[in-house]
C-alpha cells in the first residue's frame, strides 16, 4: 500500500482527504495560506505537516476533543474561538457537529525568522503555549478579518500586506505565550521613515516586500513593522493602501488615463480590483470620483 506524504498544509487541503470540504482558498502574497472549510461532524485527524496552523470556529457550539500538539483537550467551542495546531505533529481531533472553520497557515521555512525576531531568539513554534484547546484573541481576530478582507478586495494581496499581517498575528501568539518584546520607543529614525515612504511612493506599482523596506531601515522585518506603525500611526499595509488611493485620486483628477491603466499604475491587477478598494475608501467608484472632481463650476451674474 502506497503511503502519500504531504509536504505542506496547502498540499494536504488540496490533495488530502479534507480537500472536498474546502470552500475558499487564498494564498495572500504567496507567503500565507488561507482557507474556509465546511465539514461534517467526525474525525479531522491530520498528518504531521511542517506548517504552524491557526483555525477559527465560524459557528461555535461543537464539542472538540483531541490533541493538536499540547496534550489532550476536551472543550465546547464558541463562535470565534481559535485553535493552534503545532507543526510536525500528527493531530487527532474529533468534532461532534457540522462545523465551519477559517484556517491560516504559516510555512515555517518562511516564518521562523519572524518568530526569532518576535522573541529575540528565545521562542520556537514548539514553545508556543496555545496548542491545548481553544482560546480567544480580539487582536488576532481583527488581523485575520482584515487579511481575509484584503484577499476579497485585492485578489492576491501584495507580499508586503500579507507579511505585515502575518507579523501582527505571530507577535500576538508569542505575546500570549509569554514572550516579552523589546521596546519600540521612538519609532523609526527620521531618515529611515523618510526613505521608506519615498521608496513606497516610487515603487507603488510593484510588489515591494516588507523585508525590502526593513532592509532600507536597517531593521528586521518584525521590528520594522512595529516601529513603522509607531512613527506613522498605521501599519505598513495600511499606509501602502493610503498611498495608492492618493495617487489614484490624482490620476483620476488630473489625467485622462483609462481606469485600467490607473489600476496598474497604483499596483492593482485590474480596474475591478481598484474599484473595490477605491469604493471602500472613497465611498464612490473611480468613475464617479472622476466626474465629481471635474464638474465645471458655474458662477451666477
Protein backbone atom coordinates (compact mmCIF):
# COMPACT_ATOMS: atom_id res chain seq x y z
CA UNK A 1 0.00 0.00 0.00
CA UNK A 2 1.40 3.35 -1.05
CA UNK A 3 1.58 5.94 1.73
CA UNK A 4 1.26 9.52 0.50
CA UNK A 5 3.47 12.00 2.30
CA UNK A 6 2.12 15.55 2.32
CA UNK A 7 4.78 18.23 2.34
CA UNK A 8 2.65 21.19 3.40
CA UNK A 9 -0.64 22.39 4.84
CA UNK A 10 -1.57 23.66 1.39
CA UNK A 11 -0.98 20.27 -0.24
CA UNK A 12 -2.96 18.44 2.46
CA UNK A 13 -6.01 20.63 1.87
CA UNK A 14 -5.58 20.43 -1.90
CA UNK A 15 -4.99 16.67 -2.27
CA UNK A 16 -5.69 15.01 1.10
CA UNK A 17 -8.97 13.74 2.48
CA UNK A 18 -10.04 17.24 3.60
CA UNK A 19 -9.84 18.66 0.06
CA UNK A 20 -13.55 18.17 -0.68
CA UNK A 21 -14.51 20.32 2.30
CA UNK A 22 -12.58 23.41 1.19
CA UNK A 23 -14.91 26.18 0.04
CA UNK A 24 -12.49 29.07 -0.44
CA UNK A 25 -8.72 29.09 -0.75
CA UNK A 26 -6.42 32.09 -0.87
CA UNK A 27 -2.69 32.47 -0.77
CA UNK A 28 -2.06 36.14 0.11
CA UNK A 29 1.15 37.31 -1.43
CA UNK A 30 2.38 33.73 -1.69
CA UNK A 31 3.57 33.78 1.94
CA UNK A 32 0.42 32.57 3.75
CA UNK A 33 -2.37 30.11 3.04
CA UNK A 34 -5.96 30.99 3.94
CA UNK A 35 -8.87 28.55 3.75
CA UNK A 36 -12.57 28.39 4.50
CA UNK A 37 -13.61 24.81 5.31
CA UNK A 38 -17.15 23.47 5.80
CA UNK A 39 -17.20 19.90 7.02
CA UNK A 40 -19.43 17.35 8.78
CA UNK A 41 -19.07 16.01 12.31
CA UNK A 42 -16.41 13.38 12.81
CA UNK A 43 -12.67 12.92 12.86
CA UNK A 44 -10.46 15.56 11.27
CA UNK A 45 -7.14 13.83 12.01
CA UNK A 46 -4.19 15.22 10.11
CA UNK A 47 -0.66 14.00 9.41
CA UNK A 48 2.40 15.84 10.67
CA UNK A 49 2.99 18.89 8.48
CA UNK A 50 5.78 21.50 8.64
CA UNK A 51 3.36 24.43 8.97
CA UNK A 52 2.06 26.30 12.00
CA UNK A 53 -1.74 26.38 11.51
CA UNK A 54 -4.33 28.59 13.14
CA UNK A 55 -8.03 27.65 12.96
CA UNK A 56 -11.04 29.79 13.86
CA UNK A 57 -14.50 28.34 14.53
CA UNK A 58 -17.00 30.35 12.48
CA UNK A 59 -20.17 28.89 14.06
CA UNK A 60 -19.50 27.57 17.57
CA UNK A 61 -21.43 25.05 19.65
CA UNK A 62 -19.32 21.98 18.87
CA UNK A 63 -17.60 19.64 21.30
CA UNK A 64 -13.97 19.40 20.21
CA UNK A 65 -11.68 16.64 21.51
CA UNK A 66 -8.16 15.58 20.70
CA UNK A 67 -4.53 16.57 20.66
CA UNK A 68 -3.07 19.27 18.42
CA UNK A 69 0.41 19.23 19.91
CA UNK A 70 -0.04 20.30 23.54
CA UNK A 71 -1.76 17.30 25.09
CA UNK A 72 -5.33 16.05 25.21
CA UNK A 73 -8.20 18.53 25.46
CA UNK A 74 -11.99 18.38 25.52
CA UNK A 75 -13.78 21.72 25.11
CA UNK A 76 -17.06 23.25 23.99
CA UNK A 77 -16.15 25.57 21.14
CA UNK A 78 -17.56 29.08 20.91
CA UNK A 79 -18.07 31.19 17.81
CA UNK A 80 -14.79 32.91 17.02
CA UNK A 81 -12.69 30.53 19.13
CA UNK A 82 -9.15 29.89 17.91
CA UNK A 83 -7.19 26.64 17.88
CA UNK A 84 -3.47 26.45 17.18
CA UNK A 85 -2.01 23.33 15.55
CA UNK A 86 1.65 22.55 16.15
CA UNK A 87 4.00 21.91 13.22
CA UNK A 88 5.47 18.44 12.69
CA UNK A 89 2.81 16.78 14.84
CA UNK A 90 0.14 14.31 13.73
CA UNK A 91 -3.13 15.75 15.03
CA UNK A 92 -6.02 13.65 16.37
CA UNK A 93 -9.14 15.81 16.52
CA UNK A 94 -12.85 14.97 16.53
CA UNK A 95 -15.82 17.36 16.38
CA UNK A 96 -19.37 16.27 17.29
CA UNK A 97 -21.37 18.57 14.97
CA UNK A 98 -21.13 20.02 11.49
CA UNK A 99 -18.80 23.00 11.58
CA UNK A 100 -17.17 25.75 9.56
CA UNK A 101 -13.56 26.76 10.01
CA UNK A 102 -11.32 29.52 8.76
CA UNK A 103 -7.70 28.41 8.66
CA UNK A 104 -4.43 30.28 8.29
CA UNK A 105 -1.10 28.51 7.91
CA UNK A 106 2.44 29.80 8.28
CA UNK A 107 5.04 27.80 6.32
CA UNK A 108 7.81 27.82 8.93
CA UNK A 109 10.53 27.90 6.30
CA UNK A 110 9.37 31.46 5.57
CA UNK A 111 8.32 32.48 9.08
CA UNK A 112 10.90 31.09 11.50
CA UNK A 113 12.97 34.25 11.27
CA UNK A 114 9.93 36.31 12.28
CA UNK A 115 9.42 34.07 15.33
CA UNK A 116 13.08 34.61 16.21
CA UNK A 117 12.73 38.37 15.82
CA UNK A 118 9.49 38.50 17.79
CA UNK A 119 11.10 36.81 20.79
CA UNK A 120 14.78 37.77 20.47
CA UNK A 121 15.55 34.17 19.54
CA UNK A 122 14.02 32.73 22.71
CA UNK A 123 10.90 31.24 21.12
CA UNK A 124 10.27 28.47 18.64
CA UNK A 125 6.94 27.24 17.31
CA UNK A 126 7.19 24.29 19.70
CA UNK A 127 7.28 26.67 22.70
CA UNK A 128 4.02 28.43 21.91
CA UNK A 129 1.63 27.77 24.80
CA UNK A 130 -1.63 27.66 22.85
CA UNK A 131 -1.85 24.13 21.47
CA UNK A 132 -4.16 22.76 24.15
CA UNK A 133 -7.74 23.67 23.29
CA UNK A 134 -9.43 26.91 22.38
CA UNK A 135 -8.50 30.50 23.11
CA UNK A 136 -9.75 33.97 22.24
CA UNK A 137 -7.86 36.99 20.95
CA UNK A 138 -9.55 40.19 19.73
CA UNK A 139 -6.22 41.29 18.21
CA UNK A 140 -5.80 38.11 16.16
CA UNK A 141 -9.48 38.13 15.21
CA UNK A 142 -9.12 41.67 13.86
CA UNK A 143 -5.91 40.87 11.95
CA UNK A 144 -7.39 37.71 10.43
CA UNK A 145 -10.59 39.50 9.43
CA UNK A 146 -8.54 42.29 7.80
CA UNK A 147 -6.32 39.79 6.00
CA UNK A 148 -9.35 37.93 4.63
CA UNK A 149 -10.90 41.22 3.52
CA UNK A 150 -7.68 42.14 1.74
CA UNK A 151 -7.97 38.89 -0.19
CA UNK A 152 -11.52 39.80 -1.21
CA UNK A 153 -10.55 43.31 -2.25
CA UNK A 154 -7.12 42.88 -3.78
CA UNK A 155 -7.47 39.42 -5.29
CA UNK A 156 -3.96 38.40 -4.22
CA UNK A 157 -2.65 40.94 -1.69
CA UNK A 158 0.94 42.02 -2.09
CA UNK A 159 3.70 40.32 -0.18
CA UNK A 160 4.02 43.44 1.97
CA UNK A 161 0.38 43.28 3.03
CA UNK A 162 0.46 39.56 3.77
CA UNK A 163 3.82 39.64 5.55
CA UNK A 164 2.81 42.59 7.74
CA UNK A 165 -0.50 40.97 8.74
CA UNK A 166 1.30 37.70 9.45
CA UNK A 167 3.79 39.52 11.69
CA UNK A 168 0.92 41.02 13.68
CA UNK A 169 -0.65 37.60 14.25
CA UNK A 170 2.61 35.83 15.13
CA UNK A 171 3.54 38.63 17.52
CA UNK A 172 0.25 38.20 19.38
CA UNK A 173 0.67 34.41 19.53
CA UNK A 174 4.11 34.93 21.05
CA UNK A 175 2.84 37.56 23.50
CA UNK A 176 0.04 35.26 24.64
CA UNK A 177 2.64 32.52 25.17
CA UNK A 178 4.72 34.70 27.48
CA UNK A 179 7.29 36.24 25.13
CA UNK A 180 8.49 39.71 26.09
CA UNK A 181 9.24 42.21 23.36
CA UNK A 182 11.89 44.85 23.37
CA UNK A 183 10.51 48.36 23.35
CA UNK A 184 9.94 50.14 20.07
CA UNK A 185 10.01 53.58 21.73
CA UNK A 186 10.63 56.42 19.35
CA UNK A 187 9.71 54.50 16.24
CA UNK A 188 11.85 54.82 13.14
CA UNK A 189 14.70 57.26 12.84
CA UNK A 190 13.58 60.27 10.74
CA UNK A 191 15.89 59.31 7.88
CA UNK A 192 14.55 55.73 7.85
CA UNK A 193 10.91 56.85 7.93
CA UNK A 194 11.53 59.30 5.08
CA UNK A 195 13.47 56.79 2.99
CA UNK A 196 10.84 54.06 3.36
CA UNK A 197 7.98 56.40 2.49
CA UNK A 198 9.88 57.62 -0.58
CA UNK A 199 10.58 54.02 -1.64
CA UNK A 200 6.91 53.04 -1.28
CA UNK A 201 5.83 56.01 -3.41
CA UNK A 202 8.49 55.34 -6.06
CA UNK A 203 7.57 51.65 -6.35
CA UNK A 204 3.83 51.95 -5.92
CA UNK A 205 3.09 49.75 -8.93
CA UNK A 206 5.47 46.99 -7.79
CA UNK A 207 5.08 44.14 -5.34
CA UNK A 208 7.52 45.60 -2.82
CA UNK A 209 8.10 43.41 0.23
CA UNK A 210 8.20 44.15 3.93
CA UNK A 211 11.71 42.68 4.02
CA UNK A 212 12.91 45.18 1.40
CA UNK A 213 11.54 48.12 3.40
CA UNK A 214 13.04 46.75 6.60
CA UNK A 215 16.43 46.44 4.91
CA UNK A 216 16.24 50.13 3.94
CA UNK A 217 15.71 50.97 7.61
CA UNK A 218 18.45 48.52 8.66
CA UNK A 219 16.00 46.58 10.84
CA UNK A 220 14.44 43.13 10.95
CA UNK A 221 11.03 42.92 9.27
CA UNK A 222 9.28 42.25 12.59
CA UNK A 223 10.76 45.24 14.40
CA UNK A 224 10.40 47.43 11.33
CA UNK A 225 6.64 46.76 11.16
CA UNK A 226 6.19 47.71 14.83
CA UNK A 227 8.37 50.82 14.61
CA UNK A 228 6.79 51.97 11.34
CA UNK A 229 3.34 51.88 12.95
CA UNK A 230 4.61 53.84 15.95
CA UNK A 231 6.14 56.51 13.71
CA UNK A 232 3.47 56.81 11.02
CA UNK A 233 0.39 55.86 13.04
CA UNK A 234 -0.73 52.96 10.86
CA UNK A 235 0.85 49.63 9.81
CA UNK A 236 2.83 49.49 6.54
CA UNK A 237 -0.01 47.66 4.78
CA UNK A 238 -2.49 50.42 5.65
CA UNK A 239 -0.06 53.16 4.66
CA UNK A 240 0.52 51.47 1.30
CA UNK A 241 -3.22 51.46 0.60
CA UNK A 242 -3.42 55.14 1.57
CA UNK A 243 -0.64 55.98 -0.89
CA UNK A 244 -2.39 54.02 -3.63
CA UNK A 245 -5.66 55.83 -3.03
CA UNK A 246 -3.96 59.25 -3.02
CA UNK A 247 -2.21 58.50 -6.31
CA UNK A 248 -5.37 57.08 -7.88
CA UNK A 249 -7.27 60.26 -6.94
CA UNK A 250 -4.54 62.42 -8.50
CA UNK A 251 -4.59 60.45 -11.76
CA UNK A 252 -8.39 60.49 -11.95
CA UNK A 253 -8.48 64.23 -11.41
CA UNK A 254 -5.51 65.36 -13.48
CA UNK A 255 -5.27 62.87 -16.37
CA UNK A 256 -7.49 61.17 -18.93
CA UNK A 257 -5.85 57.79 -18.40
CA UNK A 258 -8.28 54.85 -18.60
CA UNK A 259 -9.14 53.43 -15.20
CA UNK A 260 -7.47 50.13 -16.11
CA UNK A 261 -4.16 51.95 -16.66
CA UNK A 262 -4.59 53.81 -13.39
CA UNK A 263 -5.14 50.49 -11.63
CA UNK A 264 -1.82 49.17 -12.97
CA UNK A 265 -0.10 52.46 -12.13
CA UNK A 266 -1.04 52.19 -8.45
CA UNK A 267 -0.32 48.49 -8.08
CA UNK A 268 -3.65 46.71 -8.66
CA UNK A 269 -4.15 43.87 -11.10
CA UNK A 270 -7.33 45.18 -12.76
CA UNK A 271 -9.84 48.00 -12.80
CA UNK A 272 -12.26 45.75 -10.89
CA UNK A 273 -9.80 45.37 -8.02
CA UNK A 274 -9.15 49.12 -7.98
CA UNK A 275 -12.89 49.79 -7.98
CA UNK A 276 -13.44 47.54 -4.94
CA UNK A 277 -10.70 49.16 -2.88
CA UNK A 278 -11.44 52.69 -4.09
CA UNK A 279 -15.16 52.42 -3.32
CA UNK A 280 -14.43 51.16 0.18
CA UNK A 281 -12.14 54.08 0.97
CA UNK A 282 -13.70 56.91 -1.05
CA UNK A 283 -17.35 55.82 -0.86
CA UNK A 284 -17.73 56.16 -4.62
CA UNK A 285 -16.39 54.40 -7.69
CA UNK A 286 -13.36 55.73 -9.62
CA UNK A 287 -15.67 56.85 -12.45
CA UNK A 288 -17.96 58.68 -10.03
CA UNK A 289 -14.97 60.35 -8.40
CA UNK A 290 -13.60 61.50 -11.76
CA UNK A 291 -16.97 63.03 -12.70
CA UNK A 292 -17.32 64.69 -9.30
CA UNK A 293 -13.93 66.42 -9.35
CA UNK A 294 -14.38 67.58 -12.93
CA UNK A 295 -17.84 69.16 -12.61
CA UNK A 296 -17.48 72.70 -14.01
CA UNK A 297 -18.14 75.50 -11.54
CA UNK A 298 -21.00 77.82 -12.58
CA UNK A 299 -20.90 81.44 -11.48
CA UNK A 300 -24.11 83.46 -11.31
CA UNK A 301 -24.02 87.02 -12.54
